[in-house]
Amino acid sequence: MQGLGFWVALAVAALGSVGSLWFSLGKKLKACPLCFYQRSFVIAALGVLLLGALSGQGQWALFSLLALPAAVSGLAFAVFHVYLEASGKLECPPGAWNLGSVPQQSCAMFVILVGALVLEAWGVPVQSLLGAGGLVGVSVAFGVLLAAGSVAATPGPPPPPEQPYSQPPDTCRPPYREAGSQT
């Protein structure tokens, strides 16, 4: 059904944007640099999709294609963030309803967003030598390049603390490690 991927992507991007702001404003969590990048990319995708919806043109595939680089960049950051958490380099606050951490929930949201956008963008009518699949590939590659440049420009995390934290995490932070511990 034409347009379904677009509307799913719009709803997911809106939920991701509102959820990100709720974590900061409602739960008073502090976004780390990786969280800020993910927030920026989901809001950028939402902006493109909202313009598509408000345009009234019904070119769902085209606007999905235009939102795809931002969504892929956000997904790349979310995957990198979850990797840092899984490898023990960061500890992050729990997500909504304690279903995983905030970065894990962001990653799941971006997987759904990118999937919906790719499914919709694959149907973009083009008169290009690349065809719809080629344009989707270029869009994904552009998103990966955006993410790689952004990761390269991101400051590293602060050093691990010398004493245990007194509070549970309200931001992503290096975990405390006892002297001589392996991990």
Protein backbone atom coordinates (compact mmCIF):
# COMPACT_ATOMS: atom_id res chain seq x y z
CA MET A 1 0.00 0.00 0.00
CA GLN A 2 1.62 3.20 -1.21
CA GLY A 3 2.32 5.74 1.52
CA LEU A 4 2.12 3.30 4.45
CA GLY A 5 5.89 3.34 5.03
CA PHE A 6 5.87 7.13 4.96
CA TRP A 7 3.14 7.41 7.59
CA VAL A 8 4.74 4.75 9.78
CA ALA A 9 8.07 6.61 9.49
CA LEU A 10 6.38 9.92 10.33
CA ALA A 11 4.75 8.42 13.43
CA VAL A 12 7.99 6.74 14.56
CA ALA A 13 10.06 9.91 13.99
CA ALA A 14 7.48 11.94 15.95
CA LEU A 15 7.49 9.40 18.78
CA GLY A 16 11.30 9.32 18.80
CA SER A 17 11.52 13.12 18.87
CA VAL A 18 8.94 13.51 21.63
CA GLY A 19 10.49 10.60 23.57
CA SER A 20 13.95 12.15 23.37
CA LEU A 21 12.65 15.47 24.67
CA TRP A 22 10.64 13.70 27.38
CA PHE A 23 13.78 11.97 28.68
CA SER A 24 15.49 15.37 29.01
CA LEU A 25 12.61 17.58 30.11
CA GLY A 26 10.34 15.10 31.85
CA LYS A 27 12.76 12.64 33.43
CA LYS A 28 15.54 15.24 33.77
CA LEU A 29 18.15 13.04 32.08
CA LYS A 30 21.18 14.78 30.60
CA ALA A 31 21.88 13.89 26.98
CA CYS A 32 25.47 12.91 26.21
CA PRO A 33 27.02 13.94 22.85
CA LEU A 34 25.95 10.66 21.24
CA CYS A 35 22.38 11.18 22.48
CA PHE A 36 22.39 14.73 21.06
CA TYR A 37 23.43 13.46 17.63
CA GLN A 38 20.66 10.86 17.65
CA ARG A 39 18.14 13.50 18.71
CA SER A 40 19.32 15.85 15.97
CA PHE A 41 19.04 13.20 13.28
CA VAL A 42 15.56 12.00 14.29
CA ILE A 43 14.31 15.60 14.44
CA ALA A 44 15.84 16.25 11.00
CA ALA A 45 14.05 13.20 9.59
CA LEU A 46 10.82 14.34 11.26
CA GLY A 47 11.19 17.79 9.69
CA VAL A 48 11.53 16.37 6.19
CA LEU A 49 8.61 14.00 6.72
CA LEU A 50 6.40 16.76 8.16
CA LEU A 51 7.13 18.93 5.14
CA GLY A 52 6.15 16.01 2.93
CA ALA A 53 2.90 15.52 4.81
CA LEU A 54 2.08 19.24 4.78
CA SER A 55 2.95 19.65 1.10
CA GLY A 56 -0.15 17.72 0.10
CA GLN A 57 1.69 16.40 -2.96
CA GLY A 58 1.41 12.74 -2.03
CA GLN A 59 5.01 12.10 -3.02
CA TRP A 60 5.57 9.79 -0.06
CA ALA A 61 8.45 7.89 -1.64
CA LEU A 62 10.36 11.05 -2.52
CA PHE A 63 10.11 12.55 0.97
CA SER A 64 11.02 9.16 2.47
CA LEU A 65 14.12 9.13 0.28
CA LEU A 66 15.01 12.65 1.45
CA ALA A 67 14.61 11.70 5.14
CA LEU A 68 16.65 8.51 4.76
CA PRO A 69 20.19 9.97 5.16
CA ALA A 70 19.29 11.55 8.52
CA ALA A 71 17.64 8.33 9.71
CA VAL A 72 20.61 6.19 8.64
CA SER A 73 22.99 8.58 10.40
CA GLY A 74 20.91 8.36 13.56
CA LEU A 75 20.87 4.57 13.30
CA ALA A 76 24.65 4.47 12.90
CA PHE A 77 25.03 6.60 16.04
CA ALA A 78 22.55 4.45 17.94
CA VAL A 79 24.37 1.25 16.98
CA PHE A 80 27.72 2.80 17.98
CA HIS A 81 26.20 3.98 21.27
CA VAL A 82 24.78 0.53 22.06
CA TYR A 83 28.16 -1.00 21.16
CA LEU A 84 29.94 1.29 23.66
CA GLU A 85 27.39 0.33 26.29
CA ALA A 86 27.62 -3.41 25.55
CA SER A 87 31.44 -3.31 25.60
CA GLY A 88 31.40 -1.73 29.07
CA LYS A 89 32.80 1.63 27.96
CA LEU A 90 29.61 3.47 28.91
CA GLU A 91 26.74 2.95 31.31
CA CYS A 92 23.49 4.63 30.37
CA PRO A 93 20.19 5.36 32.11
CA PRO A 94 17.30 2.94 31.79
CA GLY A 95 14.74 3.67 29.10
CA ALA A 96 10.98 4.04 29.36
CA TRP A 97 9.37 1.34 31.50
CA ASN A 98 12.88 -0.03 32.17
CA LEU A 99 12.79 -1.86 28.84
CA GLY A 100 16.48 -1.65 28.03
CA SER A 101 18.53 1.50 28.17
CA VAL A 102 17.81 4.81 26.48
CA PRO A 103 20.35 4.07 23.68
CA GLN A 104 18.85 0.60 23.14
CA GLN A 105 15.39 2.11 22.78
CA SER A 106 16.77 4.73 20.39
CA CYS A 107 18.40 2.00 18.33
CA ALA A 108 15.13 0.05 18.10
CA MET A 109 13.29 3.21 17.04
CA PHE A 110 15.88 3.96 14.33
CA VAL A 111 15.70 0.38 13.00
CA ILE A 112 11.95 0.75 12.52
CA LEU A 113 12.33 4.27 11.07
CA VAL A 114 15.00 3.25 8.54
CA GLY A 115 13.07 0.11 7.60
CA ALA A 116 9.87 2.07 6.93
CA LEU A 117 11.73 4.72 4.94
CA VAL A 118 13.59 2.17 2.80
CA LEU A 119 10.37 0.28 2.05
CA GLU A 120 8.65 3.50 1.01
CA ALA A 121 11.63 5.07 -0.81
CA TRP A 122 12.12 1.96 -2.93
CA GLY A 123 9.02 3.04 -4.86
CA VAL A 124 10.27 6.53 -5.72
CA PRO A 125 9.50 7.25 -9.40
CA VAL A 126 12.79 8.26 -11.01
CA GLN A 127 14.11 8.96 -14.43
CA SER A 128 17.67 8.29 -13.43
CA LEU A 129 20.27 5.80 -14.52
CA LEU A 130 20.49 4.70 -10.90
CA GLY A 131 16.85 3.71 -10.56
CA ALA A 132 14.99 3.69 -7.24
CA GLY A 133 17.22 1.04 -5.67
CA GLY A 134 20.35 2.97 -6.65
CA LEU A 135 18.99 6.18 -5.17
CA VAL A 136 18.15 4.37 -1.94
CA GLY A 137 21.71 3.01 -1.88
CA VAL A 138 23.19 6.47 -2.45
CA SER A 139 20.93 7.89 0.26
CA VAL A 140 22.05 5.19 2.73
CA ALA A 141 25.71 5.73 1.79
CA PHE A 142 25.31 9.47 2.32
CA GLY A 143 23.80 8.81 5.76
CA VAL A 144 26.73 6.54 6.68
CA LEU A 145 29.20 9.23 5.57
CA LEU A 146 27.36 11.85 7.66
CA ALA A 147 27.54 9.55 10.67
CA ALA A 148 31.23 8.74 10.14
CA GLY A 149 32.13 12.41 9.97
CA SER A 150 30.06 13.16 13.03
CA VAL A 151 31.60 10.29 15.01
CA ALA A 152 35.07 11.49 14.06
CA ALA A 153 34.19 14.95 15.38
CA THR A 154 32.64 13.71 18.63
CA PRO A 155 34.73 14.24 21.77
CA GLY A 156 35.66 11.11 23.66
CA PRO A 157 34.04 10.25 26.96
CA PRO A 158 35.48 11.57 30.20
CA PRO A 159 37.87 9.29 32.08
CA PRO A 160 36.37 6.68 34.42
CA PRO A 161 35.82 7.92 37.97
CA GLU A 162 38.26 7.04 40.73
CA GLN A 163 35.45 6.38 43.21
CA PRO A 164 32.05 4.71 42.77
CA TYR A 165 29.18 6.95 41.69
CA SER A 166 26.79 7.94 44.45
CA GLN A 167 23.73 8.10 42.15
CA PRO A 168 22.35 5.93 39.34
CA PRO A 169 23.14 7.31 35.88
CA ASP A 170 21.22 10.36 34.69
CA THR A 171 23.45 10.54 31.61
CA CYS A 172 25.68 8.15 29.72
CA ARG A 173 29.00 7.94 31.56
CA PRO A 174 32.07 5.75 31.92
CA PRO A 175 31.43 3.05 34.51
CA TYR A 176 33.40 2.85 37.74
CA ARG A 177 36.00 0.09 37.76
CA GLU A 178 37.88 -1.03 40.82
CA ALA A 179 41.64 -0.82 40.50
CA GLY A 180 43.00 -3.99 38.95
CA SER A 181 39.63 -5.16 37.58
CA GLN A 182 39.48 -6.46 34.03
CA THR A 183 36.81 -5.25 31.57
